[in-house]
N, C-alpha and C. Protein backbone atom coordinates (compact mmCIF):
# COMPACT_ATOMS: atom_id res chain seq x y z
N UNK A 1 -8.83 -18.73 34.56
CA UNK A 1 -8.99 -20.19 34.54
C UNK A 1 -9.83 -20.64 33.34
N UNK A 2 -10.92 -19.90 33.08
CA UNK A 2 -11.78 -20.24 31.96
C UNK A 2 -11.02 -20.11 30.65
N UNK A 3 -10.21 -19.06 30.53
CA UNK A 3 -9.44 -18.88 29.30
C UNK A 3 -8.45 -20.02 29.11
N UNK A 4 -7.83 -20.46 30.21
CA UNK A 4 -6.87 -21.57 30.11
C UNK A 4 -7.59 -22.86 29.69
N UNK A 5 -8.78 -23.10 30.28
CA UNK A 5 -9.54 -24.29 29.93
C UNK A 5 -9.92 -24.27 28.46
N UNK A 6 -10.41 -23.12 27.98
CA UNK A 6 -10.79 -23.00 26.57
C UNK A 6 -9.59 -23.18 25.66
N UNK A 7 -8.44 -22.67 26.08
CA UNK A 7 -7.23 -22.80 25.25
C UNK A 7 -6.82 -24.26 25.13
N UNK A 8 -6.88 -25.01 26.24
CA UNK A 8 -6.55 -26.43 26.19
C UNK A 8 -7.51 -27.16 25.26
N UNK A 9 -8.79 -26.89 25.39
CA UNK A 9 -9.77 -27.55 24.53
C UNK A 9 -9.54 -27.20 23.07
N UNK A 10 -9.25 -25.92 22.80
CA UNK A 10 -9.02 -25.50 21.41
C UNK A 10 -7.81 -26.20 20.83
N UNK A 11 -6.76 -26.38 21.64
CA UNK A 11 -5.55 -27.06 21.15
C UNK A 11 -5.85 -28.52 20.82
N UNK A 12 -6.59 -29.20 21.70
CA UNK A 12 -6.94 -30.60 21.45
C UNK A 12 -7.83 -30.71 20.22
N UNK A 13 -8.82 -29.83 20.14
CA UNK A 13 -9.73 -29.84 19.00
C UNK A 13 -8.98 -29.63 17.69
N UNK A 14 -8.07 -28.67 17.68
CA UNK A 14 -7.32 -28.37 16.46
C UNK A 14 -6.42 -29.54 16.06
N UNK A 15 -5.79 -30.18 17.04
CA UNK A 15 -4.91 -31.31 16.74
C UNK A 15 -5.70 -32.47 16.13
N UNK A 16 -6.87 -32.74 16.67
CA UNK A 16 -7.66 -33.85 16.15
C UNK A 16 -8.25 -33.52 14.78
N UNK A 17 -8.57 -32.27 14.54
CA UNK A 17 -9.06 -31.89 13.22
C UNK A 17 -7.96 -32.03 12.17
N UNK A 18 -6.73 -31.70 12.55
CA UNK A 18 -5.61 -31.88 11.61
C UNK A 18 -5.43 -33.36 11.29
N UNK A 19 -5.53 -34.21 12.31
CA UNK A 19 -5.37 -35.63 12.07
C UNK A 19 -6.50 -36.17 11.21
N UNK A 20 -7.72 -35.72 11.49
CA UNK A 20 -8.86 -36.16 10.69
C UNK A 20 -8.71 -35.76 9.22
N UNK A 21 -8.09 -34.60 8.99
CA UNK A 21 -7.93 -34.11 7.62
C UNK A 21 -7.08 -35.04 6.78
N UNK A 22 -6.26 -35.87 7.42
CA UNK A 22 -5.42 -36.80 6.68
C UNK A 22 -6.04 -38.15 6.40
N UNK A 23 -7.26 -38.37 6.83
CA UNK A 23 -7.91 -39.66 6.60
C UNK A 23 -8.28 -39.83 5.13
N UNK A 24 -8.08 -41.02 4.63
CA UNK A 24 -8.37 -41.31 3.22
C UNK A 24 -9.83 -41.72 3.06
N UNK A 25 -10.35 -41.66 1.84
CA UNK A 25 -11.72 -42.14 1.60
C UNK A 25 -11.93 -43.58 2.05
N UNK A 26 -10.93 -44.42 1.86
CA UNK A 26 -11.05 -45.82 2.27
C UNK A 26 -11.15 -45.93 3.79
N UNK A 27 -10.37 -45.13 4.50
CA UNK A 27 -10.43 -45.15 5.97
C UNK A 27 -11.78 -44.64 6.47
N UNK A 28 -12.31 -43.61 5.83
CA UNK A 28 -13.62 -43.09 6.22
C UNK A 28 -14.70 -44.13 5.96
N UNK A 29 -14.63 -44.81 4.84
CA UNK A 29 -15.63 -45.83 4.52
C UNK A 29 -15.58 -46.97 5.53
N UNK A 30 -14.37 -47.40 5.87
CA UNK A 30 -14.23 -48.49 6.84
C UNK A 30 -14.75 -48.06 8.21
N UNK A 31 -14.45 -46.84 8.60
CA UNK A 31 -14.93 -46.34 9.89
C UNK A 31 -16.45 -46.28 9.92
N UNK A 32 -17.05 -45.79 8.84
CA UNK A 32 -18.51 -45.70 8.79
C UNK A 32 -19.17 -47.06 8.87
N UNK A 33 -18.62 -48.03 8.18
CA UNK A 33 -19.19 -49.38 8.22
C UNK A 33 -19.10 -49.98 9.62
N UNK A 34 -17.97 -49.79 10.28
CA UNK A 34 -17.79 -50.34 11.62
C UNK A 34 -18.71 -49.64 12.63
N UNK A 35 -18.82 -48.33 12.52
CA UNK A 35 -19.72 -47.60 13.43
C UNK A 35 -21.16 -48.07 13.27
N UNK A 36 -21.55 -48.36 12.04
CA UNK A 36 -22.92 -48.83 11.80
C UNK A 36 -23.16 -50.17 12.48
N UNK A 37 -22.22 -51.08 12.36
CA UNK A 37 -22.38 -52.41 12.95
C UNK A 37 -22.45 -52.32 14.47
N UNK A 38 -21.48 -51.63 15.07
CA UNK A 38 -21.42 -51.57 16.53
C UNK A 38 -22.52 -50.70 17.12
N UNK A 39 -22.82 -49.58 16.47
CA UNK A 39 -23.86 -48.70 16.98
C UNK A 39 -25.24 -49.31 16.89
N UNK A 40 -25.53 -49.99 15.80
CA UNK A 40 -26.82 -50.65 15.65
C UNK A 40 -26.96 -51.80 16.65
N UNK A 41 -25.89 -52.53 16.87
CA UNK A 41 -25.93 -53.62 17.85
C UNK A 41 -26.17 -53.09 19.25
N UNK A 42 -25.51 -51.99 19.61
CA UNK A 42 -25.71 -51.41 20.93
C UNK A 42 -27.15 -50.92 21.10
N UNK A 43 -27.68 -50.25 20.08
CA UNK A 43 -29.06 -49.79 20.16
C UNK A 43 -30.02 -50.95 20.36
N UNK A 44 -29.77 -52.06 19.66
CA UNK A 44 -30.62 -53.23 19.82
C UNK A 44 -30.53 -53.82 21.21
N UNK A 45 -29.35 -53.76 21.80
CA UNK A 45 -29.19 -54.24 23.18
C UNK A 45 -29.99 -53.38 24.15
N UNK A 46 -29.93 -52.07 23.96
CA UNK A 46 -30.64 -51.14 24.84
C UNK A 46 -32.15 -51.36 24.76
N UNK A 47 -32.66 -51.55 23.53
CA UNK A 47 -34.11 -51.66 23.35
C UNK A 47 -34.61 -53.10 23.47
N UNK A 48 -33.71 -54.04 23.74
CA UNK A 48 -34.13 -55.43 23.81
C UNK A 48 -34.59 -55.98 22.49
N UNK A 49 -34.05 -55.44 21.41
CA UNK A 49 -34.40 -55.90 20.07
C UNK A 49 -35.69 -55.31 19.53
N UNK A 50 -36.32 -54.42 20.30
CA UNK A 50 -37.57 -53.80 19.85
C UNK A 50 -37.27 -52.45 19.19
N UNK A 51 -38.11 -52.02 18.25
CA UNK A 51 -37.90 -50.71 17.64
C UNK A 51 -38.05 -49.59 18.66
N UNK A 52 -37.23 -48.57 18.52
CA UNK A 52 -37.31 -47.41 19.40
C UNK A 52 -36.95 -46.17 18.62
N UNK A 53 -36.79 -45.07 19.32
CA UNK A 53 -36.35 -43.82 18.70
C UNK A 53 -34.86 -43.65 18.97
N UNK A 54 -34.11 -43.35 17.91
CA UNK A 54 -32.67 -43.12 18.04
C UNK A 54 -32.34 -41.71 17.57
N UNK A 55 -31.74 -40.91 18.44
CA UNK A 55 -31.25 -39.60 18.06
C UNK A 55 -29.81 -39.76 17.56
N UNK A 56 -29.58 -39.36 16.35
CA UNK A 56 -28.24 -39.45 15.76
C UNK A 56 -27.90 -38.07 15.19
N UNK A 57 -26.86 -37.97 14.41
CA UNK A 57 -26.52 -36.75 13.69
C UNK A 57 -25.81 -37.17 12.43
N UNK A 58 -25.77 -36.30 11.44
CA UNK A 58 -25.09 -36.62 10.18
C UNK A 58 -23.66 -36.12 10.25
N UNK A 59 -22.70 -37.05 10.29
CA UNK A 59 -21.29 -36.68 10.24
C UNK A 59 -20.93 -36.15 8.86
N UNK A 60 -20.29 -35.00 8.79
CA UNK A 60 -19.93 -34.39 7.52
C UNK A 60 -18.42 -34.23 7.44
N UNK A 61 -17.93 -34.08 6.22
CA UNK A 61 -16.50 -33.88 6.02
C UNK A 61 -15.70 -35.06 6.53
N UNK A 62 -14.73 -34.77 7.42
CA UNK A 62 -13.86 -35.80 7.98
C UNK A 62 -14.33 -36.30 9.33
N UNK A 63 -15.54 -35.91 9.75
CA UNK A 63 -16.09 -36.45 10.98
C UNK A 63 -16.33 -37.95 10.83
N UNK A 64 -16.42 -38.68 11.93
CA UNK A 64 -16.79 -40.09 11.81
C UNK A 64 -18.09 -40.22 11.02
N UNK A 65 -18.09 -41.00 9.93
CA UNK A 65 -19.27 -41.07 9.07
C UNK A 65 -20.42 -41.80 9.77
N UNK A 66 -21.54 -41.13 9.90
CA UNK A 66 -22.68 -41.73 10.60
C UNK A 66 -23.84 -42.09 9.68
N UNK A 67 -23.75 -41.75 8.40
CA UNK A 67 -24.86 -42.11 7.50
C UNK A 67 -25.08 -43.62 7.45
N UNK A 68 -24.02 -44.46 7.40
CA UNK A 68 -24.26 -45.91 7.46
C UNK A 68 -24.98 -46.32 8.74
N UNK A 69 -24.65 -45.69 9.87
CA UNK A 69 -25.34 -45.98 11.13
C UNK A 69 -26.81 -45.57 11.05
N UNK A 70 -27.05 -44.40 10.50
CA UNK A 70 -28.44 -43.92 10.34
C UNK A 70 -29.25 -44.92 9.52
N UNK A 71 -28.68 -45.37 8.42
CA UNK A 71 -29.37 -46.35 7.58
C UNK A 71 -29.59 -47.67 8.30
N UNK A 72 -28.57 -48.11 9.06
CA UNK A 72 -28.68 -49.38 9.77
C UNK A 72 -29.77 -49.32 10.83
N UNK A 73 -29.83 -48.22 11.57
CA UNK A 73 -30.86 -48.07 12.59
C UNK A 73 -32.25 -48.07 11.96
N UNK A 74 -32.39 -47.37 10.86
CA UNK A 74 -33.68 -47.34 10.16
C UNK A 74 -34.05 -48.73 9.66
N UNK A 75 -33.09 -49.45 9.10
CA UNK A 75 -33.36 -50.80 8.58
C UNK A 75 -33.76 -51.76 9.70
N UNK A 76 -33.29 -51.49 10.92
CA UNK A 76 -33.64 -52.33 12.07
C UNK A 76 -35.00 -51.95 12.66
N UNK A 77 -35.65 -50.97 12.08
CA UNK A 77 -36.99 -50.60 12.53
C UNK A 77 -37.06 -49.42 13.47
N UNK A 78 -35.90 -48.84 13.82
CA UNK A 78 -35.91 -47.69 14.71
C UNK A 78 -36.36 -46.42 13.97
N UNK A 79 -37.03 -45.54 14.68
CA UNK A 79 -37.30 -44.21 14.16
C UNK A 79 -36.08 -43.34 14.44
N UNK A 80 -35.60 -42.66 13.43
CA UNK A 80 -34.36 -41.90 13.54
C UNK A 80 -34.66 -40.41 13.58
N UNK A 81 -34.17 -39.75 14.62
CA UNK A 81 -34.26 -38.29 14.75
C UNK A 81 -32.90 -37.67 14.48
N UNK A 82 -32.86 -36.65 13.61
CA UNK A 82 -31.64 -35.92 13.34
C UNK A 82 -31.81 -34.47 13.78
N UNK A 83 -30.74 -33.82 14.25
CA UNK A 83 -30.87 -32.49 14.85
C UNK A 83 -30.85 -31.36 13.82
N UNK A 84 -31.45 -30.25 14.21
CA UNK A 84 -31.41 -29.00 13.47
C UNK A 84 -31.01 -27.90 14.45
N UNK A 85 -30.01 -27.11 14.10
CA UNK A 85 -29.56 -26.02 14.96
C UNK A 85 -30.52 -24.84 14.88
N UNK A 86 -30.89 -24.33 16.04
CA UNK A 86 -31.80 -23.21 16.14
C UNK A 86 -31.10 -22.04 16.84
N UNK A 87 -31.70 -20.85 16.81
CA UNK A 87 -31.10 -19.72 17.55
C UNK A 87 -30.97 -20.04 19.04
N UNK A 88 -30.02 -19.39 19.67
CA UNK A 88 -29.83 -19.59 21.10
C UNK A 88 -29.19 -20.92 21.44
N UNK A 89 -28.50 -21.53 20.49
CA UNK A 89 -27.83 -22.83 20.69
C UNK A 89 -28.80 -23.93 21.10
N UNK A 90 -30.00 -23.84 20.58
CA UNK A 90 -30.99 -24.87 20.83
C UNK A 90 -31.02 -25.85 19.66
N UNK A 91 -31.48 -27.06 19.93
CA UNK A 91 -31.66 -28.08 18.89
C UNK A 91 -33.13 -28.42 18.75
N UNK A 92 -33.59 -28.52 17.52
CA UNK A 92 -34.86 -29.19 17.24
C UNK A 92 -34.52 -30.46 16.47
N UNK A 93 -35.54 -31.27 16.20
CA UNK A 93 -35.29 -32.60 15.66
C UNK A 93 -36.28 -32.95 14.55
N UNK A 94 -35.79 -33.65 13.54
CA UNK A 94 -36.59 -34.06 12.39
C UNK A 94 -36.51 -35.58 12.25
N UNK A 95 -37.65 -36.22 12.06
CA UNK A 95 -37.64 -37.65 11.80
C UNK A 95 -37.10 -37.90 10.39
N UNK A 96 -36.12 -38.80 10.29
CA UNK A 96 -35.43 -39.09 9.02
C UNK A 96 -35.95 -40.37 8.41
N UNK A 97 -36.09 -40.37 7.08
CA UNK A 97 -36.30 -41.57 6.29
C UNK A 97 -35.34 -41.49 5.10
N UNK A 98 -35.17 -42.58 4.35
CA UNK A 98 -34.27 -42.51 3.19
C UNK A 98 -34.67 -41.46 2.16
N UNK A 99 -35.90 -40.97 2.22
CA UNK A 99 -36.35 -39.95 1.27
C UNK A 99 -36.09 -38.53 1.77
N UNK A 100 -35.63 -38.39 3.00
CA UNK A 100 -35.41 -37.07 3.58
C UNK A 100 -34.26 -36.34 2.88
N UNK A 101 -34.49 -35.09 2.53
CA UNK A 101 -33.43 -34.28 1.94
C UNK A 101 -32.66 -33.52 3.00
N UNK A 102 -31.50 -32.99 2.61
CA UNK A 102 -30.66 -32.22 3.53
C UNK A 102 -30.40 -30.84 2.97
N UNK A 103 -30.19 -29.89 3.88
CA UNK A 103 -29.88 -28.53 3.49
C UNK A 103 -28.84 -27.96 4.44
N UNK A 104 -28.14 -26.93 3.98
CA UNK A 104 -27.09 -26.33 4.80
C UNK A 104 -27.70 -25.58 5.97
N UNK A 105 -27.14 -25.79 7.15
CA UNK A 105 -27.62 -25.11 8.36
C UNK A 105 -27.38 -23.61 8.27
N UNK A 106 -28.28 -22.84 8.86
CA UNK A 106 -28.10 -21.40 8.95
C UNK A 106 -27.15 -21.00 10.07
N UNK A 107 -26.92 -21.92 11.00
CA UNK A 107 -26.21 -21.55 12.23
C UNK A 107 -24.93 -22.35 12.47
N UNK A 108 -24.67 -23.39 11.70
CA UNK A 108 -23.48 -24.22 11.92
C UNK A 108 -23.03 -24.81 10.59
N UNK A 109 -21.75 -25.18 10.47
CA UNK A 109 -21.24 -25.72 9.20
C UNK A 109 -21.60 -27.20 9.03
N UNK A 110 -22.89 -27.49 9.02
CA UNK A 110 -23.35 -28.87 8.92
C UNK A 110 -24.53 -28.94 7.96
N UNK A 111 -24.87 -30.17 7.58
CA UNK A 111 -26.08 -30.41 6.81
C UNK A 111 -27.18 -30.86 7.76
N UNK A 112 -28.39 -30.37 7.53
CA UNK A 112 -29.50 -30.70 8.40
C UNK A 112 -30.67 -31.25 7.59
N UNK A 113 -31.48 -32.11 8.22
CA UNK A 113 -32.62 -32.69 7.50
C UNK A 113 -33.73 -31.66 7.29
N UNK A 114 -34.39 -31.77 6.16
CA UNK A 114 -35.55 -30.93 5.89
C UNK A 114 -36.81 -31.68 6.31
N UNK A 115 -37.73 -30.99 6.96
CA UNK A 115 -38.97 -31.63 7.39
C UNK A 115 -39.52 -30.98 8.63
N UNK A 116 -40.67 -31.45 9.09
CA UNK A 116 -41.27 -30.89 10.31
C UNK A 116 -40.33 -31.03 11.50
N UNK A 117 -40.22 -29.96 12.28
CA UNK A 117 -39.29 -29.95 13.41
C UNK A 117 -40.02 -30.23 14.72
N UNK A 118 -39.33 -30.97 15.58
CA UNK A 118 -39.89 -31.33 16.88
C UNK A 118 -38.95 -30.82 17.97
N UNK A 119 -39.50 -30.53 19.14
CA UNK A 119 -38.73 -29.97 20.24
C UNK A 119 -38.05 -31.03 21.07
N UNK A 120 -37.38 -30.59 22.15
CA UNK A 120 -36.63 -31.52 23.00
C UNK A 120 -37.52 -32.55 23.68
N UNK A 121 -38.80 -32.27 23.82
CA UNK A 121 -39.68 -33.26 24.45
C UNK A 121 -39.81 -34.51 23.59
N UNK A 122 -39.73 -34.35 22.26
CA UNK A 122 -39.77 -35.52 21.37
C UNK A 122 -38.47 -36.30 21.47
N UNK A 123 -37.35 -35.58 21.41
CA UNK A 123 -36.05 -36.24 21.57
C UNK A 123 -35.92 -36.88 22.94
N UNK A 124 -36.62 -36.32 23.94
CA UNK A 124 -36.56 -36.88 25.28
C UNK A 124 -37.18 -38.26 25.38
N UNK A 125 -37.94 -38.66 24.36
CA UNK A 125 -38.51 -40.00 24.34
C UNK A 125 -37.65 -41.02 23.62
N UNK A 126 -36.43 -40.61 23.26
CA UNK A 126 -35.55 -41.53 22.53
C UNK A 126 -35.04 -42.65 23.43
N UNK A 127 -34.74 -43.79 22.80
CA UNK A 127 -34.17 -44.92 23.52
C UNK A 127 -32.66 -44.81 23.61
N UNK A 128 -32.04 -44.24 22.56
CA UNK A 128 -30.58 -44.08 22.52
C UNK A 128 -30.25 -42.74 21.87
N UNK A 129 -29.08 -42.25 22.20
CA UNK A 129 -28.63 -40.95 21.69
C UNK A 129 -27.17 -41.05 21.31
N UNK A 130 -26.86 -40.68 20.07
CA UNK A 130 -25.49 -40.62 19.59
C UNK A 130 -25.14 -39.15 19.38
N UNK A 131 -24.05 -38.68 20.00
CA UNK A 131 -23.70 -37.27 19.89
C UNK A 131 -22.29 -37.12 19.32
N UNK A 132 -22.01 -35.98 18.67
CA UNK A 132 -20.69 -35.78 18.08
C UNK A 132 -19.65 -35.39 19.12
N UNK A 133 -18.39 -35.65 18.81
CA UNK A 133 -17.28 -35.24 19.67
C UNK A 133 -16.02 -35.20 18.83
N UNK A 134 -15.07 -34.37 19.22
CA UNK A 134 -13.75 -34.43 18.59
C UNK A 134 -12.75 -35.17 19.47
N UNK A 135 -13.09 -35.34 20.75
CA UNK A 135 -12.27 -36.14 21.66
C UNK A 135 -13.07 -36.36 22.94
N UNK A 136 -12.77 -37.46 23.61
CA UNK A 136 -13.37 -37.80 24.90
C UNK A 136 -12.28 -38.43 25.75
N UNK A 137 -12.25 -38.09 27.06
CA UNK A 137 -11.29 -38.81 27.91
C UNK A 137 -12.03 -39.87 28.71
N UNK A 138 -11.28 -40.73 29.36
CA UNK A 138 -11.87 -41.89 30.02
C UNK A 138 -12.66 -41.53 31.28
N UNK A 139 -12.60 -40.26 31.68
CA UNK A 139 -13.46 -39.79 32.76
C UNK A 139 -14.81 -39.31 32.23
N UNK A 140 -14.97 -39.34 30.90
CA UNK A 140 -16.23 -38.93 30.29
C UNK A 140 -16.27 -37.49 29.85
N UNK A 141 -15.17 -36.76 30.03
CA UNK A 141 -15.15 -35.37 29.57
C UNK A 141 -15.05 -35.33 28.05
N UNK A 142 -15.85 -34.48 27.45
CA UNK A 142 -16.01 -34.45 25.99
C UNK A 142 -15.66 -33.08 25.43
N UNK A 143 -15.03 -33.10 24.27
CA UNK A 143 -14.85 -31.88 23.49
C UNK A 143 -15.71 -32.01 22.24
N UNK A 144 -16.64 -31.07 22.08
CA UNK A 144 -17.48 -31.07 20.88
C UNK A 144 -16.87 -30.19 19.81
N UNK A 145 -17.73 -29.61 18.98
CA UNK A 145 -17.25 -28.74 17.92
C UNK A 145 -17.10 -27.30 18.39
N UNK A 146 -17.51 -27.03 19.62
CA UNK A 146 -17.35 -25.68 20.15
C UNK A 146 -18.61 -24.85 20.15
N UNK A 147 -19.71 -25.39 19.62
CA UNK A 147 -20.94 -24.62 19.55
C UNK A 147 -21.77 -24.64 20.81
N UNK A 148 -21.63 -25.69 21.62
CA UNK A 148 -22.38 -25.77 22.86
C UNK A 148 -23.80 -26.28 22.73
N UNK A 149 -24.21 -26.69 21.51
CA UNK A 149 -25.59 -27.14 21.30
C UNK A 149 -25.91 -28.38 22.12
N UNK A 150 -25.02 -29.35 22.11
CA UNK A 150 -25.33 -30.61 22.79
C UNK A 150 -25.23 -30.48 24.31
N UNK A 151 -24.31 -29.65 24.80
CA UNK A 151 -24.27 -29.43 26.24
C UNK A 151 -25.59 -28.83 26.71
N UNK A 152 -26.14 -27.91 25.94
CA UNK A 152 -27.41 -27.30 26.32
C UNK A 152 -28.55 -28.31 26.22
N UNK A 153 -28.54 -29.12 25.16
CA UNK A 153 -29.58 -30.14 25.00
C UNK A 153 -29.53 -31.17 26.13
N UNK A 154 -28.32 -31.62 26.47
CA UNK A 154 -28.18 -32.58 27.56
C UNK A 154 -28.60 -31.96 28.89
N UNK A 155 -28.38 -30.66 29.03
CA UNK A 155 -28.84 -29.97 30.22
C UNK A 155 -30.36 -29.97 30.32
N UNK A 156 -31.04 -29.79 29.17
CA UNK A 156 -32.51 -29.85 29.16
C UNK A 156 -32.98 -31.24 29.60
N UNK A 157 -32.32 -32.26 29.09
CA UNK A 157 -32.71 -33.62 29.45
C UNK A 157 -32.53 -33.86 30.95
N UNK A 158 -31.41 -33.38 31.48
CA UNK A 158 -31.15 -33.57 32.91
C UNK A 158 -32.19 -32.84 33.76
N UNK A 159 -32.54 -31.63 33.34
CA UNK A 159 -33.55 -30.86 34.07
C UNK A 159 -34.90 -31.58 34.07
N UNK A 160 -35.19 -32.23 32.93
CA UNK A 160 -36.46 -32.96 32.80
C UNK A 160 -36.41 -34.35 33.43
N UNK A 161 -35.26 -34.72 33.97
CA UNK A 161 -35.11 -36.04 34.59
C UNK A 161 -35.00 -37.17 33.58
N UNK A 162 -34.58 -36.85 32.34
CA UNK A 162 -34.45 -37.87 31.30
C UNK A 162 -33.02 -38.41 31.31
N UNK A 163 -32.89 -39.71 31.46
CA UNK A 163 -31.58 -40.35 31.41
C UNK A 163 -31.55 -41.31 30.22
N UNK A 164 -31.22 -40.78 29.07
CA UNK A 164 -31.18 -41.58 27.85
C UNK A 164 -29.79 -42.19 27.68
N UNK A 165 -29.68 -43.48 27.46
CA UNK A 165 -28.37 -44.07 27.17
C UNK A 165 -27.74 -43.35 25.96
N UNK A 166 -26.51 -42.90 26.12
CA UNK A 166 -25.90 -42.14 25.03
C UNK A 166 -24.44 -42.52 24.86
N UNK A 167 -23.95 -42.26 23.66
CA UNK A 167 -22.54 -42.49 23.33
C UNK A 167 -22.06 -41.36 22.45
N UNK A 168 -20.85 -40.89 22.71
CA UNK A 168 -20.21 -39.91 21.85
C UNK A 168 -19.45 -40.65 20.75
N UNK A 169 -19.62 -40.20 19.52
CA UNK A 169 -19.03 -40.90 18.37
C UNK A 169 -17.67 -40.29 18.04
N UNK A 170 -16.64 -41.12 18.05
CA UNK A 170 -15.26 -40.68 17.82
C UNK A 170 -14.51 -41.73 17.01
N UNK A 171 -13.32 -41.37 16.57
CA UNK A 171 -12.37 -42.36 16.06
C UNK A 171 -11.62 -42.97 17.24
N UNK A 172 -11.02 -44.13 17.00
CA UNK A 172 -10.40 -44.87 18.10
C UNK A 172 -9.33 -44.08 18.84
N UNK A 173 -8.50 -43.32 18.12
CA UNK A 173 -7.40 -42.62 18.79
C UNK A 173 -7.84 -41.30 19.41
N UNK A 174 -9.15 -41.04 19.44
CA UNK A 174 -9.66 -39.83 20.07
C UNK A 174 -10.19 -40.08 21.49
N UNK A 175 -10.01 -41.30 21.99
CA UNK A 175 -10.30 -41.61 23.39
C UNK A 175 -9.02 -41.41 24.18
N UNK A 176 -9.01 -40.41 25.05
CA UNK A 176 -7.80 -39.96 25.74
C UNK A 176 -7.79 -40.44 27.19
N UNK A 177 -6.63 -40.45 27.84
CA UNK A 177 -6.57 -40.81 29.27
C UNK A 177 -7.42 -39.88 30.12
N UNK A 178 -7.93 -40.38 31.22
CA UNK A 178 -8.74 -39.58 32.13
C UNK A 178 -7.96 -38.35 32.59
N UNK A 179 -8.63 -37.21 32.63
CA UNK A 179 -8.02 -35.98 33.07
C UNK A 179 -7.38 -35.15 31.99
N UNK A 180 -7.33 -35.67 30.76
CA UNK A 180 -6.72 -34.92 29.67
C UNK A 180 -7.58 -33.75 29.21
N UNK A 181 -8.88 -33.86 29.40
CA UNK A 181 -9.79 -32.81 28.94
C UNK A 181 -10.34 -32.08 30.16
N UNK A 182 -10.08 -30.78 30.28
CA UNK A 182 -10.60 -30.02 31.42
C UNK A 182 -12.12 -29.86 31.29
N UNK A 183 -12.81 -29.88 32.42
CA UNK A 183 -14.27 -29.76 32.43
C UNK A 183 -14.68 -28.43 33.03
N UNK A 184 -15.69 -27.81 32.40
CA UNK A 184 -16.30 -26.60 32.92
C UNK A 184 -17.64 -26.94 33.55
N UNK A 185 -18.20 -25.98 34.27
CA UNK A 185 -19.42 -26.22 35.03
C UNK A 185 -20.57 -26.67 34.14
N UNK A 186 -20.65 -26.10 32.93
CA UNK A 186 -21.78 -26.41 32.05
C UNK A 186 -21.54 -27.66 31.21
N UNK A 187 -20.33 -28.22 31.23
CA UNK A 187 -20.03 -29.41 30.44
C UNK A 187 -20.78 -30.62 31.00
N UNK A 188 -21.24 -31.47 30.10
CA UNK A 188 -21.95 -32.67 30.50
C UNK A 188 -21.10 -33.89 30.16
N UNK A 189 -20.63 -34.65 31.16
CA UNK A 189 -19.83 -35.84 30.87
C UNK A 189 -20.67 -36.89 30.16
N UNK A 190 -20.01 -37.71 29.37
CA UNK A 190 -20.69 -38.77 28.65
C UNK A 190 -20.33 -40.12 29.27
N UNK A 191 -21.27 -41.08 29.25
CA UNK A 191 -21.02 -42.37 29.89
C UNK A 191 -20.35 -43.40 28.99
N UNK A 192 -20.25 -43.10 27.67
CA UNK A 192 -19.73 -44.11 26.75
C UNK A 192 -19.31 -43.46 25.45
N UNK A 193 -18.50 -44.18 24.69
CA UNK A 193 -18.14 -43.75 23.34
C UNK A 193 -18.46 -44.87 22.36
N UNK A 194 -18.71 -44.46 21.12
CA UNK A 194 -18.82 -45.39 20.01
C UNK A 194 -17.72 -45.06 19.04
N UNK A 195 -16.83 -46.00 18.81
CA UNK A 195 -15.71 -45.84 17.89
C UNK A 195 -15.74 -47.01 16.89
N UNK A 196 -14.95 -46.93 15.82
CA UNK A 196 -14.92 -48.05 14.88
C UNK A 196 -14.58 -49.39 15.53
N UNK A 197 -13.84 -49.37 16.64
CA UNK A 197 -13.51 -50.63 17.31
C UNK A 197 -14.66 -51.15 18.16
N UNK A 198 -15.67 -50.31 18.42
CA UNK A 198 -16.81 -50.79 19.17
C UNK A 198 -17.35 -49.78 20.16
N UNK A 199 -18.40 -50.20 20.86
CA UNK A 199 -19.01 -49.39 21.93
C UNK A 199 -18.23 -49.64 23.22
N UNK A 200 -17.92 -48.56 23.95
CA UNK A 200 -17.12 -48.71 25.17
C UNK A 200 -17.67 -47.81 26.28
N UNK A 201 -18.15 -48.39 27.39
CA UNK A 201 -18.58 -47.57 28.52
C UNK A 201 -17.36 -46.96 29.21
N UNK A 202 -17.58 -45.79 29.83
CA UNK A 202 -16.50 -45.09 30.52
C UNK A 202 -16.78 -45.09 32.02
N UNK A 203 -15.73 -44.98 32.80
CA UNK A 203 -15.90 -45.08 34.24
C UNK A 203 -16.38 -43.78 34.86
N UNK A 204 -16.05 -42.65 34.23
CA UNK A 204 -16.37 -41.37 34.87
C UNK A 204 -17.56 -40.66 34.33
N UNK A 205 -18.20 -41.18 33.27
CA UNK A 205 -19.32 -40.49 32.68
C UNK A 205 -20.55 -40.58 33.53
N UNK A 206 -21.48 -39.65 33.29
CA UNK A 206 -22.74 -39.65 34.01
C UNK A 206 -23.83 -39.14 33.11
């Protein structure tokens, strides 16, 4: 059963990566601009217009571009935390400013911020959390990049009793009908998605 579930997820992930590979620079730019507008507006709604901590990530390659969102959140006064992959599929976090440099991760094909690293207790104080995904269904089931870092991080938050408003960042056509994505015991459903068309709560997320 586990092998079948993984095979279904791998097929969906591969199909969406192929589609993403065909996106043009203009489409990526438009998506990034829209994500910044909608994501920053949602964060402001959550915090009541007050500055807070926002956990985001840097979208690379053909992923939904999040650098415009990162800049928008910072310009609105929020403190921005970006993740760093650690051994054991753990995440640490670095506070980002426009002066922050990036370096290639030792553990994943991503760019990570350089700077002092903070543990999950710091991220646990965030007001909002934006996480990566390659697809999400309307029941809140999410397919990530396959590393399991965010499922483990969300598990830490749940164990600590932290319920941070969060959204998985996707393109519009990556929101699938409920039940399309099989869920495993360790998977953490998401309550909402952020796409270029806007922020959308889901009925099955938790």
